[in-house]
């Protein structure tokens, strides 16, 4: 008797490293997974950002960010534009050293901040695993990340995650102040990682490190914006007039409402 197994779609399969599921599936975005799967499926073929972006209906910057993610976690390595499996995972450190020339007469505090500023401008790289550990160990950072994802309307890219961790860990702004700063930046449609870091350094340099000073800063900026522009005030601009404490309370209430909706949906199902 002869036997035949009809595998259907399983006749054509490709390997996926176990670490993708075991270590990184919780912290990798959907775009990161999509790019990696397409990359693995077409290994050996000549690919570029444009080809992958077109095939996955993504933009090329997201493709680059996804490939950078897998290099950062140590799954891939890149040399001369060629990606290959990482044979031996190299440790990734987040420590940043900065060498800056400080003019005579500058205080030690100013010199220290100058070094921090220089380091932040060089975009210190935190691995996805380090970012995940920070989020897991700090409820305020976890809430900050979730709020930022709500503002962006999507999961954060690695460059955006890296900017937020740089602001809290290297520049040193408290998470609640960063929350106010990010919300204000969104209200004026300036939310790039570079702008967020630049604003954070400006706030830190000017001693804006608590809710009260952050409220004063936002009020001052809003007054300046109103004076310089006659644009009709939208909901977004009105939101930026909230006090810092009201903003934090509003976001916490929205978080509770979302939890209740999810719970009700599960019960209905």
Protein backbone atom coordinates (compact mmCIF):
# COMPACT_ATOMS: atom_id res chain seq x y z
CA UNK A 1 0.00 0.00 0.00
CA UNK A 2 1.29 3.43 -0.92
CA UNK A 3 0.81 6.47 1.31
CA UNK A 4 0.79 10.16 0.42
CA UNK A 5 0.60 13.12 2.79
CA UNK A 6 -0.96 16.23 1.32
CA UNK A 7 0.70 19.13 3.09
CA UNK A 8 -1.01 21.80 1.02
CA UNK A 9 0.50 25.16 1.89
CA UNK A 10 3.03 23.43 4.14
CA UNK A 11 4.86 22.08 1.08
CA UNK A 12 6.76 25.35 1.01
CA UNK A 13 8.14 26.32 4.43
CA UNK A 14 11.06 28.32 5.81
CA UNK A 15 12.79 28.45 9.17
CA UNK A 16 12.24 31.12 11.81
CA UNK A 17 14.72 31.37 14.73
CA UNK A 18 13.26 30.23 18.04
CA UNK A 19 14.45 33.45 19.73
CA UNK A 20 11.89 35.40 17.71
CA UNK A 21 9.11 33.74 19.72
CA UNK A 22 10.96 32.93 22.93
CA UNK A 23 12.53 36.34 23.53
CA UNK A 24 11.29 39.07 21.23
CA UNK A 25 7.66 38.53 20.22
CA UNK A 26 6.45 40.60 23.19
CA UNK A 27 8.57 43.62 22.35
CA UNK A 28 8.68 43.44 18.55
CA UNK A 29 6.10 45.51 16.68
CA UNK A 30 3.90 44.08 13.95
CA UNK A 31 6.05 45.84 11.35
CA UNK A 32 9.22 44.29 12.79
CA UNK A 33 7.69 40.79 12.54
CA UNK A 34 6.37 41.35 9.01
CA UNK A 35 9.73 42.58 7.71
CA UNK A 36 11.63 39.71 9.33
CA UNK A 37 9.27 37.05 7.94
CA UNK A 38 9.48 38.53 4.44
CA UNK A 39 13.25 38.78 4.79
CA UNK A 40 13.58 35.13 5.85
CA UNK A 41 11.16 33.91 3.18
CA UNK A 42 13.21 35.58 0.46
CA UNK A 43 16.69 34.90 1.84
CA UNK A 44 19.27 34.59 -0.91
CA UNK A 45 17.38 37.00 -3.13
CA UNK A 46 18.54 40.54 -3.87
CA UNK A 47 16.34 42.81 -1.74
CA UNK A 48 16.34 46.47 -0.85
CA UNK A 49 14.19 48.81 1.27
CA UNK A 50 12.00 49.77 -1.69
CA UNK A 51 11.24 46.17 -2.68
CA UNK A 52 10.32 45.16 0.88
CA UNK A 53 8.28 48.33 1.48
CA UNK A 54 6.30 47.80 -1.74
CA UNK A 55 5.65 44.12 -0.99
CA UNK A 56 4.41 44.86 2.54
CA UNK A 57 2.63 48.18 1.82
CA UNK A 58 4.93 49.99 4.23
CA UNK A 59 7.16 53.02 3.93
CA UNK A 60 10.91 52.57 3.57
CA UNK A 61 11.70 54.23 6.91
CA UNK A 62 9.64 51.57 8.72
CA UNK A 63 11.54 48.84 6.86
CA UNK A 64 14.88 50.35 7.92
CA UNK A 65 13.65 50.69 11.50
CA UNK A 66 12.52 47.04 11.54
CA UNK A 67 15.85 45.73 10.24
CA UNK A 68 17.66 47.95 12.76
CA UNK A 69 15.55 46.37 15.53
CA UNK A 70 16.69 42.84 14.61
CA UNK A 71 20.31 44.00 14.43
CA UNK A 72 19.96 45.62 17.87
CA UNK A 73 18.62 42.45 19.51
CA UNK A 74 21.44 40.43 17.98
CA UNK A 75 19.40 38.29 15.59
CA UNK A 76 21.00 39.77 12.48
CA UNK A 77 24.28 41.43 11.70
CA UNK A 78 24.97 43.81 8.84
CA UNK A 79 28.23 44.33 6.99
CA UNK A 80 28.68 46.26 3.74
CA UNK A 81 24.93 46.31 3.21
CA UNK A 82 24.60 42.51 3.57
CA UNK A 83 22.51 41.06 6.41
CA UNK A 84 23.39 37.66 7.85
CA UNK A 85 22.55 35.66 11.01
CA UNK A 86 24.45 36.70 14.11
CA UNK A 87 26.77 33.79 14.85
CA UNK A 88 27.71 34.90 18.34
CA UNK A 89 25.58 37.45 20.11
CA UNK A 90 27.61 40.42 21.22
CA UNK A 91 26.64 42.20 24.43
CA UNK A 92 24.90 45.51 23.87
CA UNK A 93 25.63 48.21 26.43
CA UNK A 94 23.65 51.33 26.98
CA UNK A 95 26.41 53.25 28.72
CA UNK A 96 27.29 56.46 26.92
CA UNK A 97 30.49 58.36 27.41
CA UNK A 98 30.76 61.90 26.18
CA UNK A 99 33.88 63.93 25.66
CA UNK A 100 33.18 67.65 25.41
CA UNK A 101 35.31 70.75 25.78
CA UNK A 102 33.99 73.02 28.50
CA UNK A 103 35.10 76.67 28.62
CA UNK A 104 36.89 77.94 31.72
CA UNK A 105 34.59 79.26 34.42
CA UNK A 106 31.74 76.85 33.71
CA UNK A 107 30.37 75.14 36.82
CA UNK A 108 30.60 71.39 37.36
CA UNK A 109 26.81 71.14 36.99
CA UNK A 110 26.92 72.92 33.63
CA UNK A 111 29.79 70.72 32.50
CA UNK A 112 27.89 67.59 33.47
CA UNK A 113 24.80 68.74 31.58
CA UNK A 114 26.93 69.61 28.54
CA UNK A 115 28.19 66.01 28.53
CA UNK A 116 24.64 64.65 28.87
CA UNK A 117 23.47 66.91 26.05
CA UNK A 118 26.29 65.79 23.76
CA UNK A 119 25.52 62.14 24.53
CA UNK A 120 21.80 62.58 23.88
CA UNK A 121 22.46 64.30 20.56
CA UNK A 122 24.45 61.24 19.51
CA UNK A 123 21.32 59.13 20.10
CA UNK A 124 22.53 56.49 22.60
CA UNK A 125 21.23 53.09 21.54
CA UNK A 126 19.24 51.00 23.99
CA UNK A 127 18.52 47.46 22.87
CA UNK A 128 14.87 46.35 22.72
CA UNK A 129 15.59 43.98 25.61
CA UNK A 130 16.90 46.87 27.76
CA UNK A 131 13.87 48.99 26.89
CA UNK A 132 11.52 46.11 27.76
CA UNK A 133 13.27 45.61 31.13
CA UNK A 134 12.94 49.34 31.93
CA UNK A 135 9.23 49.34 31.09
CA UNK A 136 8.64 46.18 33.14
CA UNK A 137 10.45 47.54 36.20
CA UNK A 138 8.89 51.02 36.27
CA UNK A 139 5.10 51.55 36.22
CA UNK A 140 5.50 55.24 35.38
CA UNK A 141 7.60 54.46 32.30
CA UNK A 142 5.11 51.76 31.31
CA UNK A 143 2.25 54.27 31.53
CA UNK A 144 4.33 56.86 29.63
CA UNK A 145 4.94 54.41 26.79
CA UNK A 146 1.27 53.42 26.59
CA UNK A 147 0.22 57.07 26.53
CA UNK A 148 2.70 57.83 23.77
CA UNK A 149 1.35 54.91 21.75
CA UNK A 150 -2.14 56.39 22.16
CA UNK A 151 -0.91 59.78 20.94
CA UNK A 152 0.91 58.27 17.96
CA UNK A 153 -2.04 55.99 17.26
CA UNK A 154 0.24 52.96 16.77
CA UNK A 155 3.01 50.97 18.48
CA UNK A 156 6.16 53.03 18.96
CA UNK A 157 9.05 52.55 16.56
CA UNK A 158 12.42 51.66 18.05
CA UNK A 159 13.75 55.18 17.41
CA UNK A 160 10.79 56.64 19.34
CA UNK A 161 11.23 54.16 22.20
CA UNK A 162 14.90 55.00 22.29
CA UNK A 163 14.18 58.74 22.45
CA UNK A 164 11.81 58.34 25.42
CA UNK A 165 14.29 56.19 27.36
CA UNK A 166 17.06 58.70 26.55
CA UNK A 167 14.89 61.52 27.94
CA UNK A 168 14.10 59.68 31.18
CA UNK A 169 17.39 57.84 31.75
CA UNK A 170 20.08 60.18 30.35
CA UNK A 171 18.55 63.64 30.25
CA UNK A 172 16.79 62.93 33.54
CA UNK A 173 13.28 64.37 33.20
CA UNK A 174 10.72 62.67 35.49
CA UNK A 175 8.15 60.52 33.68
CA UNK A 176 5.21 62.75 34.68
CA UNK A 177 6.98 65.82 33.26
CA UNK A 178 7.84 63.92 30.08
CA UNK A 179 4.14 63.04 29.79
CA UNK A 180 3.20 66.73 29.84
CA UNK A 181 5.99 67.65 27.44
CA UNK A 182 5.06 64.95 24.91
CA UNK A 183 1.38 65.90 25.04
CA UNK A 184 2.28 69.54 24.39
CA UNK A 185 4.58 68.60 21.49
CA UNK A 186 1.73 66.65 19.90
CA UNK A 187 -0.60 69.61 20.35
CA UNK A 188 1.68 71.68 18.10
CA UNK A 189 2.25 68.79 15.65
CA UNK A 190 5.94 68.40 16.50
CA UNK A 191 6.47 64.84 17.70
CA UNK A 192 9.64 63.59 16.02
CA UNK A 193 12.17 61.85 18.31
CA UNK A 194 14.72 64.59 17.59
CA UNK A 195 12.28 67.37 18.56
CA UNK A 196 11.24 65.55 21.75
CA UNK A 197 14.88 65.18 22.82
CA UNK A 198 15.69 68.78 21.97
CA UNK A 199 12.69 70.02 23.97
CA UNK A 200 13.57 67.77 26.91
CA UNK A 201 17.14 69.10 27.00
CA UNK A 202 15.83 72.67 26.89
CA UNK A 203 13.45 71.99 29.77
CA UNK A 204 16.15 70.30 31.84
CA UNK A 205 18.60 73.10 31.19
CA UNK A 206 16.03 75.65 32.36
CA UNK A 207 15.10 73.73 35.50
CA UNK A 208 11.68 72.57 34.29
CA UNK A 209 11.70 69.32 36.22
CA UNK A 210 8.40 69.18 38.14
CA UNK A 211 4.69 69.54 37.41
CA UNK A 212 4.44 73.14 38.60
CA UNK A 213 7.30 74.42 36.44
CA UNK A 214 6.06 72.35 33.49
CA UNK A 215 2.60 73.93 33.82
CA UNK A 216 4.15 77.40 33.81
CA UNK A 217 6.29 76.57 30.77
CA UNK A 218 3.34 75.23 28.75
CA UNK A 219 1.19 78.23 29.71
CA UNK A 220 3.97 80.57 28.59
CA UNK A 221 4.44 78.72 25.30
CA UNK A 222 0.70 78.70 24.66
CA UNK A 223 0.47 82.42 25.31
CA UNK A 224 3.36 82.97 22.90
CA UNK A 225 1.70 80.79 20.26
CA UNK A 226 -1.57 82.70 20.58
CA UNK A 227 0.25 86.01 20.27
CA UNK A 228 2.13 84.87 17.16
CA UNK A 229 -0.73 83.14 15.38
CA UNK A 230 -4.39 83.80 14.64
CA UNK A 231 -5.16 80.15 13.90
CA UNK A 232 -8.52 79.02 15.27
CA UNK A 233 -8.16 77.18 18.57
CA UNK A 234 -8.94 73.48 18.04
CA UNK A 235 -9.54 70.74 20.58
CA UNK A 236 -5.84 69.89 20.44
CA UNK A 237 -4.86 73.43 21.42
CA UNK A 238 -7.48 73.54 24.17
CA UNK A 239 -6.09 70.29 25.55
CA UNK A 240 -2.67 71.87 25.82
CA UNK A 241 -4.14 74.53 28.16
CA UNK A 242 -4.90 71.87 30.76
CA UNK A 243 -2.86 71.98 33.92
CA UNK A 244 -0.33 69.22 34.30
CA UNK A 245 -2.24 67.62 37.14
CA UNK A 246 -5.51 67.68 35.17
CA UNK A 247 -3.72 66.18 32.18
CA UNK A 248 -2.34 63.29 34.20
CA UNK A 249 -5.76 62.72 35.82
CA UNK A 250 -7.50 62.78 32.43
CA UNK A 251 -5.12 60.23 30.97
CA UNK A 252 -5.50 57.98 34.01
CA UNK A 253 -9.30 58.16 33.68
CA UNK A 254 -9.06 57.29 29.99
CA UNK A 255 -6.88 54.32 30.89
CA UNK A 256 -9.51 53.09 33.40
CA UNK A 257 -12.30 53.55 30.84
CA UNK A 258 -10.37 51.50 28.29
CA UNK A 259 -9.91 48.72 30.85
CA UNK A 260 -13.66 48.72 31.61
CA UNK A 261 -14.50 48.57 27.90
CA UNK A 262 -12.15 45.61 27.36
CA UNK A 263 -13.59 43.82 30.42
CA UNK A 264 -17.17 44.38 29.22
CA UNK A 265 -16.24 43.16 25.73
CA UNK A 266 -14.76 39.95 27.19
CA UNK A 267 -17.88 39.40 29.31
CA UNK A 268 -20.15 39.94 26.29
CA UNK A 269 -18.16 37.38 24.31
